[in-house]
Amino acid sequence: MESLLYSSATPFFSSLSTFVSNQSVPNPRPIFPLLHRAKSNFEPLWCTMSQSSETETNPKETKLWGGRFEESVTDIVEKFTESISFDKQLYKHDIRGSKAHASMLAKQELISVSDRDSILQGLDEIERRIEAGEFVWRTDREDVHMNIEAALTDMVGEPAKKLHTARSRNDQVLTDFRLWCRDSIDRIIASIRHLQVALVKLALNNEGLIIPGYTHLQRAQPILLQHLLLAYVEQLARDAGRLLDCRTRLNFCPLGACALAGTGLPIDRFMTSDSLGFTAPMSNSIDAVSDRDFVLEFLSANSIIAVHLSRLGEEWVLWASEEFGFITPSDSVSTGSSIMPQKKNPDPMELVRGKSARVIGDLVTLLTLCKGLPLAYNRDLQEDKEPTFDSVKTIVGMLEVSAEFALNITFNEARIQKALPAGYLDATTLADYLVKKASYLHIFVFVDFFFCKDSVSVAYLI
C-alpha cells in the first residue's frame, strides 16, 4: 500500500521540485520541506512548525492559578478559554475596582501605604498606556484582570502581588461587570432622551398636520401627527424607567465575596462599596458571584426598546414607500441601488427593524446560558460578556440612527391631504354625533347609506 501511494505521488513531487528549483529567488527553500523526505521514504506529511527563538527564550508565564500544576495548558486550550479578545473593554472598571480595593487594604493595614501608592501609580500608568494604544494585550494572560495585574507586577514588582489579597477573580469580574452595566445604562438613557427630543421637534415642526390613523393596517380615524409621534415618546419614557429600575437593583457591590465564601481577613466591604458608588455590599457571597439576573434584566429592557424601535422603523419604511408617500427622507439618511438608479431607500430604519432581532437574540443567548447552572460560579458564565456588549452597542446605534432619521425627514402634506378623504375616516365621529342627537332612524340610515348596496332602500328610509 505504501509503495502504491508513493508511486502515484512521485510525478507530483518531481514537478513541484522542478518548479521550486527554477524560481529565481535567493537561497530557495522548498515550499513543503517534508516533500523531499517523502519522495525517498513515504511518511505522513505532518505540517510541523519549528519553534521560534522567541518561544524558546520566552516560555509561557505561570498562570495566577497555576501553582499546583506541573504543565502549562496547550495552545488550543489557551485559545479556546481566553476572554481578553472581548473583555478588555472592561479595563477602566477593572482599574477603578483595583484602586478601591488597594485603598481599602491599606486602610485595614493589610498592605502598607507605600505599597498602595505604588499600586495606584502603576494602575494610572497602565490606564494611560491602554488609552494611548501602547499596552500589549496578551492571550496567555487570559483576561483583562490578569493582563492588568501581570503588567502591574512587571511595572512595580512585589507590591502588585499583594493586590489580590482578599479578592478572587470571581468577585472582581462581577464588580467590573456591574460597573460597566451601570455606565452603559446611563449611556442608553442619554440616547433615549436624544431620540425623544428629536421626535418632539418633529412633532412641533408639523403642528396641526392631520394624518390617517390605522388599525389592522386599515384606515381607521383621522389623528394629529403629533399624537402619533408622542406615542413613541411615551414608550421610550417607559423604556428609560425600566433601565433605571434595573440600575437600582444591580447597584450593589460584590467585592469581598471572593470565590464564593468570602474571606477571613478583616476587610471593609462598605468602604469599597462607597468608593465605587454602589448602594451597599451584596448580602450573600454565593449570590454575589453566581447570579446574572441583573444582566438578564438589562438585556430584557434593551429587547423591549428594540421592539419599540422596530415598530417605528416599520412605520417610517412604509410611509416612505410610493404606496404611502407620507414622508421623504433626505439624501443624507438614505441609500440607493447598484442597479436601479431611481431607488432611494430608507435603509437606516430597515436596519433598525432588522437589528431588533439581534438584540432579542442576545437576551435569549443569556437566558439559555444561565438555565440550569448549579451554584456557585461556573466557567459557562464567561460567555455572559459578548451578548451583553453586543446588545448595548446595537441598541445605542439603533437609538442614535433613529434620532438622526427623525431630524432628516419631511412630511408630504399635499400627499397626506389627498389620502384623507378615502376610507370614511370620519364615520365614527359622525356616528357619535348622531348618537348625541338620539335619532335612531338617522343612525340606521347613515349605516345603510355607507354599507347597503340597495340605494332604493336608502331612499325609502329617508
Protein backbone atom coordinates (compact mmCIF):
# COMPACT_ATOMS: atom_id res chain seq x y z
CA MET A 1 0.00 0.00 0.00
CA GLU A 2 2.84 2.35 0.96
CA SER A 3 4.63 1.73 -2.34
CA LEU A 4 1.43 2.28 -4.29
CA LEU A 5 0.85 5.63 -2.61
CA TYR A 6 4.43 6.70 -3.25
CA SER A 7 4.37 5.71 -6.92
CA SER A 8 1.19 7.69 -7.55
CA ALA A 9 2.61 10.75 -5.77
CA THR A 10 6.05 10.69 -7.46
CA PRO A 11 5.10 12.72 -10.58
CA PHE A 12 3.65 15.45 -8.37
CA PHE A 13 6.75 15.60 -6.17
CA SER A 14 9.03 15.73 -9.23
CA SER A 15 7.12 18.54 -10.91
CA LEU A 16 6.93 20.51 -7.65
CA SER A 17 10.70 20.17 -7.08
CA THR A 18 11.39 21.29 -10.65
CA PHE A 19 9.15 24.33 -10.19
CA VAL A 20 10.86 25.34 -6.94
CA SER A 21 14.37 24.90 -8.33
CA ASN A 22 13.55 27.12 -11.32
CA GLN A 23 12.45 30.07 -9.18
CA SER A 24 14.94 32.95 -9.21
CA VAL A 25 14.95 33.78 -5.52
CA PRO A 26 17.98 33.95 -3.18
CA ASN A 27 18.53 30.79 -1.14
CA PRO A 28 15.46 28.99 -2.48
CA ARG A 29 13.72 26.78 0.05
CA PRO A 30 11.14 24.11 -0.71
CA ILE A 31 7.56 25.18 -0.09
CA PHE A 32 6.88 21.97 1.83
CA PRO A 33 10.17 20.71 3.37
CA LEU A 34 8.73 17.26 4.08
CA LEU A 35 8.05 16.59 0.41
CA HIS A 36 11.71 15.75 -0.24
CA ARG A 37 11.78 13.29 2.62
CA ALA A 38 8.52 11.77 1.45
CA LYS A 39 9.97 11.23 -2.00
CA SER A 40 12.56 8.81 -0.68
CA ASN A 41 10.66 7.40 2.24
CA PHE A 42 6.90 8.00 2.23
CA GLU A 43 5.76 9.27 5.63
CA PRO A 44 2.65 11.11 6.80
CA LEU A 45 3.03 14.75 5.83
CA TRP A 46 2.55 16.32 9.23
CA CYS A 47 2.69 20.10 8.99
CA THR A 48 5.18 20.73 11.76
CA MET A 49 6.34 24.20 12.66
CA SER A 50 9.80 24.85 14.05
CA GLN A 51 9.88 26.65 17.35
CA SER A 52 10.73 30.33 17.02
CA SER A 53 13.59 31.76 19.01
CA GLU A 54 11.06 33.94 20.87
CA THR A 55 9.17 30.87 22.07
CA GLU A 56 12.41 29.21 23.13
CA THR A 57 13.67 32.19 25.09
CA ASN A 58 10.28 33.28 26.50
CA PRO A 59 8.39 30.30 27.89
CA LYS A 60 4.78 30.76 28.91
CA GLU A 61 4.16 32.52 32.17
CA THR A 62 2.87 30.59 35.12
CA LYS A 63 -0.81 31.40 35.49
CA LEU A 64 -2.08 33.19 38.56
CA TRP A 65 -3.84 29.91 39.41
CA GLY A 66 -1.01 27.66 38.22
CA GLY A 67 0.78 26.92 41.50
CA ARG A 68 -0.27 23.26 41.76
CA PHE A 69 0.11 22.47 38.05
CA GLU A 70 3.17 20.79 36.58
CA GLU A 71 2.27 21.51 32.95
CA SER A 72 1.00 24.59 31.15
CA VAL A 73 -2.17 24.41 29.07
CA THR A 74 -1.88 23.63 25.39
CA ASP A 75 -2.20 26.37 22.79
CA ILE A 76 -5.60 25.05 21.72
CA VAL A 77 -6.96 25.15 25.27
CA GLU A 78 -5.46 28.59 25.83
CA LYS A 79 -7.03 29.97 22.67
CA PHE A 80 -10.41 28.42 23.48
CA THR A 81 -10.57 29.66 27.08
CA GLU A 82 -9.20 33.19 26.72
CA SER A 83 -11.55 36.14 27.04
CA ILE A 84 -9.13 39.04 26.59
CA SER A 85 -10.24 39.38 22.97
CA PHE A 86 -13.55 40.83 24.18
CA ASP A 87 -13.40 41.62 27.91
CA LYS A 88 -10.54 44.12 27.55
CA GLN A 89 -13.20 46.81 27.21
CA LEU A 90 -13.72 46.41 30.97
CA TYR A 91 -10.26 47.88 31.62
CA LYS A 92 -11.47 51.20 33.07
CA HIS A 93 -13.77 49.45 35.51
CA ASP A 94 -11.14 46.87 36.43
CA ILE A 95 -8.62 49.59 37.22
CA ARG A 96 -11.19 51.56 39.18
CA GLY A 97 -12.12 48.50 41.22
CA SER A 98 -8.47 47.67 41.89
CA LYS A 99 -7.78 51.20 43.09
CA ALA A 100 -10.69 51.00 45.53
CA HIS A 101 -9.54 47.56 46.71
CA ALA A 102 -5.92 48.68 47.22
CA SER A 103 -7.02 51.74 49.20
CA MET A 104 -9.20 49.57 51.43
CA LEU A 105 -6.36 47.07 52.02
CA ALA A 106 -4.09 49.92 53.12
CA LYS A 107 -6.73 51.38 55.44
CA GLN A 108 -7.16 47.94 57.02
CA GLU A 109 -3.36 47.63 57.31
CA LEU A 110 -3.32 44.54 55.14
CA ILE A 111 -0.79 46.29 52.88
CA SER A 112 1.43 49.29 53.57
CA VAL A 113 0.69 52.82 52.46
CA SER A 114 3.84 52.69 50.35
CA ASP A 115 2.60 49.57 48.57
CA ARG A 116 -0.77 51.21 47.99
CA ASP A 117 0.86 54.26 46.43
CA SER A 118 2.99 52.10 44.14
CA ILE A 119 -0.09 50.17 43.06
CA LEU A 120 -2.15 53.31 42.39
CA GLN A 121 0.65 54.93 40.39
CA GLY A 122 1.18 51.78 38.39
CA LEU A 123 -2.54 51.48 37.61
CA ASP A 124 -2.60 55.10 36.43
CA GLU A 125 0.28 54.39 34.07
CA ILE A 126 -1.37 51.22 32.75
CA GLU A 127 -4.58 53.15 32.06
CA ARG A 128 -2.59 55.82 30.24
CA ARG A 129 -0.86 53.20 28.09
CA ILE A 130 -4.13 51.46 27.23
CA GLU A 131 -5.76 54.70 26.13
CA ALA A 132 -2.66 55.68 24.15
CA GLY A 133 -2.69 52.32 22.38
CA GLU A 134 0.68 51.37 23.87
CA PHE A 135 -0.48 48.49 26.06
CA VAL A 136 0.14 44.95 24.79
CA TRP A 137 -2.76 42.59 25.49
CA ARG A 138 -1.53 39.01 25.89
CA THR A 139 -3.65 35.96 25.23
CA ASP A 140 -1.56 33.83 27.61
CA ARG A 141 -2.73 36.13 30.41
CA GLU A 142 -6.31 35.05 29.65
CA ASP A 143 -8.44 38.06 30.56
CA VAL A 144 -8.43 41.77 31.31
CA HIS A 145 -7.87 41.21 35.04
CA MET A 146 -4.78 39.04 34.69
CA ASN A 147 -3.38 41.23 31.91
CA ILE A 148 -3.55 44.32 34.09
CA GLU A 149 -2.35 42.56 37.22
CA ALA A 150 0.60 40.92 35.45
CA ALA A 151 1.55 44.21 33.76
CA LEU A 152 1.37 45.92 37.15
CA THR A 153 3.72 43.28 38.60
CA ASP A 154 6.14 43.85 35.73
CA MET A 155 5.99 47.56 36.45
CA VAL A 156 6.10 47.90 40.26
CA GLY A 157 7.19 44.45 41.41
CA GLU A 158 6.25 42.93 44.79
CA PRO A 159 3.57 45.46 45.83
CA ALA A 160 1.45 44.41 42.84
CA LYS A 161 1.39 40.80 44.07
CA LYS A 162 -0.41 41.97 47.21
CA LEU A 163 -3.30 43.47 45.23
CA HIS A 164 -5.01 40.09 45.00
CA THR A 165 -5.22 39.86 48.82
CA ALA A 166 -8.82 39.09 49.89
CA ARG A 167 -10.00 39.09 46.30
CA SER A 168 -10.84 36.41 43.73
CA ARG A 169 -11.37 36.85 40.03
CA ASN A 170 -14.96 35.79 40.72
CA ASP A 171 -15.89 38.85 42.74
CA GLN A 172 -13.51 41.04 40.75
CA VAL A 173 -15.15 40.34 37.39
CA LEU A 174 -18.65 40.82 38.80
CA THR A 175 -17.61 44.18 40.22
CA ASP A 176 -16.21 45.24 36.86
CA PHE A 177 -19.29 43.97 35.03
CA ARG A 178 -21.78 45.73 37.31
CA LEU A 179 -19.85 48.98 36.95
CA TRP A 180 -19.81 48.57 33.17
CA CYS A 181 -23.55 47.80 33.02
CA ARG A 182 -24.29 50.80 35.22
CA ASP A 183 -22.34 53.12 32.91
CA SER A 184 -23.95 51.54 29.85
CA ILE A 185 -27.44 52.09 31.25
CA ASP A 186 -26.61 55.78 31.73
CA ARG A 187 -25.39 55.92 28.14
CA ILE A 188 -28.53 54.27 26.75
CA ILE A 189 -30.81 56.55 28.76
CA ALA A 190 -28.99 59.57 27.31
CA SER A 191 -29.58 58.16 23.81
CA ILE A 192 -33.27 57.62 24.62
CA ARG A 193 -33.59 61.25 25.70
CA HIS A 194 -31.96 62.37 22.46
CA LEU A 195 -34.46 60.41 20.39
CA GLN A 196 -37.36 61.73 22.44
CA VAL A 197 -36.21 65.30 21.80
CA ALA A 198 -35.88 64.55 18.07
CA LEU A 199 -39.45 63.20 17.96
CA VAL A 200 -40.83 66.19 19.86
CA LYS A 201 -39.04 68.56 17.45
CA LEU A 202 -40.52 66.65 14.52
CA ALA A 203 -43.99 66.98 16.06
CA LEU A 204 -43.59 70.72 16.66
CA ASN A 205 -42.38 71.27 13.09
CA ASN A 206 -45.56 69.64 11.80
CA GLU A 207 -48.07 71.10 14.23
CA GLY A 208 -51.70 70.65 13.18
CA LEU A 209 -50.96 68.10 10.45
CA ILE A 210 -53.78 65.55 10.26
CA ILE A 211 -52.92 62.05 9.04
CA PRO A 212 -54.88 58.81 8.68
CA GLY A 213 -54.74 56.62 11.77
CA TYR A 214 -54.65 52.87 11.25
CA THR A 215 -55.80 49.70 12.96
CA HIS A 216 -55.09 46.32 11.36
CA LEU A 217 -53.17 48.45 8.82
CA GLN A 218 -56.59 49.64 7.60
CA ARG A 219 -57.67 53.27 7.70
CA ALA A 220 -59.48 53.90 10.95
CA GLN A 221 -59.76 57.53 12.16
CA PRO A 222 -58.06 60.84 11.49
CA ILE A 223 -55.38 61.75 14.04
CA LEU A 224 -52.86 64.51 14.55
CA LEU A 225 -49.31 63.60 13.59
CA GLN A 226 -48.14 64.95 16.96
CA HIS A 227 -50.41 62.45 18.70
CA LEU A 228 -48.79 59.55 16.91
CA LEU A 229 -45.19 60.75 17.39
CA LEU A 230 -45.75 61.38 21.07
CA ALA A 231 -46.95 57.79 21.44
CA TYR A 232 -43.37 56.73 20.72
CA VAL A 233 -42.10 59.34 23.19
CA GLU A 234 -44.28 57.74 25.88
CA GLN A 235 -42.99 54.25 25.05
CA LEU A 236 -39.40 55.47 25.25
CA ALA A 237 -40.13 57.06 28.63
CA ARG A 238 -41.18 53.66 29.99
CA ASP A 239 -38.09 52.12 28.41
CA ALA A 240 -35.92 54.58 30.33
CA GLY A 241 -37.86 53.81 33.50
CA ARG A 242 -37.18 50.08 33.14
CA LEU A 243 -33.48 50.78 32.75
CA LEU A 244 -33.47 53.00 35.85
CA ASP A 245 -35.20 50.24 37.82
CA CYS A 246 -32.59 47.77 36.59
CA ARG A 247 -29.80 50.17 37.55
CA THR A 248 -31.16 50.41 41.08
CA ARG A 249 -31.20 46.63 41.50
CA LEU A 250 -27.74 46.00 40.04
CA ASN A 251 -26.04 48.75 42.03
CA PHE A 252 -24.71 46.53 44.82
CA CYS A 253 -21.06 45.64 45.33
CA PRO A 254 -19.79 42.02 45.06
CA LEU A 255 -16.24 42.80 46.26
CA GLY A 256 -15.35 40.75 49.32
CA ALA A 257 -17.34 37.72 48.23
CA CYS A 258 -14.08 36.27 46.86
CA ALA A 259 -14.51 32.88 45.18
CA LEU A 260 -17.86 32.16 46.88
CA ALA A 261 -17.42 32.09 50.68
CA GLY A 262 -15.90 35.47 51.46
CA THR A 263 -12.65 35.91 53.37
CA GLY A 264 -11.46 35.66 56.97
CA LEU A 265 -9.30 38.77 56.56
CA PRO A 266 -10.52 41.98 58.22
CA ILE A 267 -11.63 43.83 55.06
CA ASP A 268 -14.04 46.76 54.92
CA ARG A 269 -16.64 45.95 52.26
CA PHE A 270 -18.57 49.14 52.94
CA MET A 271 -15.52 51.26 52.13
CA THR A 272 -15.04 49.71 48.69
CA SER A 273 -18.78 49.81 48.03
CA ASP A 274 -18.97 53.52 48.86
CA SER A 275 -15.86 54.46 46.90
CA LEU A 276 -17.25 52.76 43.79
CA GLY A 277 -20.65 54.43 44.08
CA PHE A 278 -22.62 51.31 44.98
CA THR A 279 -25.62 51.40 47.27
CA ALA A 280 -24.18 48.75 49.62
CA PRO A 281 -22.25 45.47 49.61
CA MET A 282 -24.18 42.42 48.44
CA SER A 283 -25.63 40.44 51.34
CA ASN A 284 -24.85 36.89 50.21
CA SER A 285 -21.42 35.96 48.86
CA ILE A 286 -22.68 32.93 46.88
CA ASP A 287 -25.35 35.03 45.22
CA ALA A 288 -22.80 37.77 44.54
CA VAL A 289 -20.57 35.62 42.32
CA SER A 290 -23.09 33.26 40.74
CA ASP A 291 -26.17 35.13 39.56
CA ARG A 292 -26.57 37.14 36.37
CA ASP A 293 -30.16 38.26 36.83
CA PHE A 294 -29.04 41.88 36.66
CA VAL A 295 -27.72 41.25 33.13
CA LEU A 296 -30.86 39.35 32.15
CA GLU A 297 -32.98 42.27 33.32
CA PHE A 298 -30.74 44.71 31.46
CA LEU A 299 -30.94 42.78 28.19
CA SER A 300 -34.68 42.33 28.64
CA ALA A 301 -35.10 46.11 28.89
CA ASN A 302 -32.93 46.50 25.79
CA SER A 303 -35.08 43.99 23.93
CA ILE A 304 -38.25 45.96 24.70
CA ILE A 305 -36.54 49.13 23.44
CA ALA A 306 -35.57 47.26 20.28
CA VAL A 307 -39.16 46.13 19.74
CA HIS A 308 -40.41 49.70 20.11
CA LEU A 309 -37.80 50.97 17.67
CA SER A 310 -38.63 48.20 15.20
CA ARG A 311 -42.24 49.42 15.13
CA LEU A 312 -41.10 52.99 14.49
CA GLY A 313 -38.79 51.69 11.77
CA GLU A 314 -41.55 49.69 10.11
CA GLU A 315 -43.91 52.67 10.11
CA TRP A 316 -41.40 55.01 8.53
CA VAL A 317 -40.33 52.42 5.95
CA LEU A 318 -43.98 52.07 4.91
CA TRP A 319 -44.57 55.81 4.87
CA ALA A 320 -41.51 56.35 2.66
CA SER A 321 -42.86 53.95 0.02
CA GLU A 322 -44.61 55.11 -3.15
CA GLU A 323 -47.78 53.41 -1.94
CA PHE A 324 -47.95 55.78 1.05
CA GLY A 325 -45.65 58.66 0.16
CA PHE A 326 -46.25 60.33 3.53
CA ILE A 327 -42.56 61.10 4.21
CA THR A 328 -39.47 61.86 2.16
CA PRO A 329 -36.15 61.08 3.87
CA SER A 330 -33.30 63.40 2.93
CA ASP A 331 -30.42 62.05 0.89
CA SER A 332 -28.23 62.18 3.99
CA VAL A 333 -30.17 59.33 5.62
CA SER A 334 -30.95 57.29 2.50
CA THR A 335 -29.14 54.83 0.27
CA GLY A 336 -29.52 53.80 -3.35
CA SER A 337 -29.33 50.75 -5.55
CA SER A 338 -26.36 49.50 -7.53
CA ILE A 339 -28.61 48.58 -10.46
CA MET A 340 -31.79 50.68 -10.17
CA PRO A 341 -30.92 54.39 -10.45
CA GLN A 342 -34.35 55.59 -9.37
CA LYS A 343 -34.21 53.95 -5.93
CA LYS A 344 -33.99 55.91 -2.68
CA ASN A 345 -34.15 53.52 0.24
CA PRO A 346 -34.78 54.25 3.95
CA ASP A 347 -32.10 51.68 4.85
CA PRO A 348 -31.29 53.02 8.33
CA MET A 349 -34.80 52.29 9.54
CA GLU A 350 -34.87 48.94 7.79
CA LEU A 351 -31.74 48.04 9.73
CA VAL A 352 -33.31 49.32 12.95
CA ARG A 353 -36.15 46.92 12.26
CA GLY A 354 -33.70 44.12 11.48
CA LYS A 355 -31.28 44.66 14.36
CA SER A 356 -34.10 44.25 16.85
CA ALA A 357 -33.78 40.52 16.15
CA ARG A 358 -30.13 40.70 17.17
CA VAL A 359 -30.89 42.38 20.49
CA ILE A 360 -33.62 39.85 21.26
CA GLY A 361 -31.19 37.08 20.31
CA ASP A 362 -28.64 38.39 22.80
CA LEU A 363 -31.25 38.08 25.56
CA VAL A 364 -32.19 34.54 24.51
CA THR A 365 -28.50 33.58 24.44
CA LEU A 366 -28.03 34.71 28.02
CA LEU A 367 -31.25 33.12 29.24
CA THR A 368 -30.16 29.81 27.74
CA LEU A 369 -26.66 30.21 29.19
CA CYS A 370 -27.92 30.71 32.74
CA LYS A 371 -30.57 27.97 32.67
CA GLY A 372 -29.77 25.05 34.96
CA LEU A 373 -26.40 26.26 36.28
CA PRO A 374 -25.69 25.00 39.82
CA LEU A 375 -24.39 27.38 42.47
CA ALA A 376 -21.95 28.99 42.67
CA TYR A 377 -19.65 30.16 39.86
CA ASN A 378 -19.25 28.14 36.64
CA ARG A 379 -16.95 28.93 33.72
CA ASP A 380 -20.01 28.99 31.47
CA LEU A 381 -20.62 32.47 32.84
CA GLN A 382 -17.60 33.81 30.95
CA GLU A 383 -19.98 33.76 27.98
CA ASP A 384 -22.18 36.47 29.50
CA LYS A 385 -19.99 39.32 28.24
CA GLU A 386 -20.21 39.12 24.46
CA PRO A 387 -24.02 39.13 24.16
CA THR A 388 -24.20 41.96 26.69
CA PHE A 389 -21.58 44.03 24.89
CA ASP A 390 -23.35 43.38 21.60
CA SER A 391 -26.78 44.27 22.98
CA VAL A 392 -25.57 47.61 24.31
CA LYS A 393 -23.62 48.52 21.18
CA THR A 394 -26.57 47.60 18.96
CA ILE A 395 -29.26 49.38 20.97
CA VAL A 396 -27.22 52.59 21.22
CA GLY A 397 -26.70 52.51 17.45
CA MET A 398 -30.42 51.95 16.86
CA LEU A 399 -31.37 54.88 19.09
CA GLU A 400 -28.81 57.21 17.54
CA VAL A 401 -29.73 56.46 13.93
CA SER A 402 -33.46 56.72 14.70
CA ALA A 403 -32.89 60.22 16.10
CA GLU A 404 -30.78 61.12 13.06
CA PHE A 405 -33.53 59.88 10.73
CA ALA A 406 -36.22 61.81 12.61
CA LEU A 407 -34.27 65.03 12.14
CA ASN A 408 -33.89 64.45 8.40
CA ILE A 409 -37.37 63.62 7.07
CA THR A 410 -40.09 65.78 5.54
CA PHE A 411 -43.81 65.08 5.71
CA ASN A 412 -45.59 65.47 2.38
CA GLU A 413 -48.67 67.43 3.39
CA ALA A 414 -50.22 67.50 -0.07
CA ARG A 415 -49.98 63.73 -0.44
CA ILE A 416 -51.38 63.20 3.05
CA GLN A 417 -54.32 65.54 2.43
CA LYS A 418 -55.20 63.67 -0.76
CA ALA A 419 -55.23 60.44 1.22
CA LEU A 420 -57.58 61.68 3.93
CA PRO A 421 -60.95 61.51 2.06
CA ALA A 422 -60.63 57.80 1.27
CA GLY A 423 -61.74 55.17 3.76
CA TYR A 424 -64.56 57.03 5.58
CA LEU A 425 -62.23 58.22 8.33
CA ASP A 426 -65.00 60.39 9.86
CA ALA A 427 -67.51 57.55 10.13
CA THR A 428 -67.02 57.11 13.89
CA THR A 429 -67.22 60.85 14.52
CA LEU A 430 -70.47 61.11 12.57
CA ALA A 431 -71.92 58.11 14.38
CA ASP A 432 -71.09 59.73 17.71
CA TYR A 433 -72.80 62.94 16.57
CA LEU A 434 -75.97 61.07 15.64
CA VAL A 435 -76.00 59.24 18.96
CA LYS A 436 -75.92 62.58 20.72
CA LYS A 437 -78.93 63.61 18.64
CA ALA A 438 -80.66 60.40 19.77
CA SER A 439 -82.06 59.85 16.29
CA TYR A 440 -82.00 56.10 15.84
CA LEU A 441 -83.62 56.37 12.44
CA HIS A 442 -80.86 58.65 11.23
CA ILE A 443 -78.27 56.25 12.59
CA PHE A 444 -79.85 53.40 10.66
CA VAL A 445 -79.99 55.48 7.52
CA PHE A 446 -76.37 56.51 7.99
CA VAL A 447 -75.18 52.90 8.35
CA ASP A 448 -77.31 51.74 5.43
CA PHE A 449 -76.06 54.61 3.29
CA PHE A 450 -72.44 53.54 3.73
CA PHE A 451 -72.81 49.78 3.68
CA CYS A 452 -76.05 48.83 1.88
CA LYS A 453 -75.78 48.24 -1.84
CA ASP A 454 -79.50 48.90 -2.41
CA SER A 455 -79.84 52.64 -2.99
CA VAL A 456 -83.65 52.30 -3.28
CA SER A 457 -83.92 51.11 0.33
CA VAL A 458 -81.88 54.09 1.43
CA ALA A 459 -84.20 56.49 -0.39
CA TYR A 460 -87.27 54.73 1.03
CA LEU A 461 -85.97 55.00 4.62
CA ILE A 462 -85.19 58.66 4.24
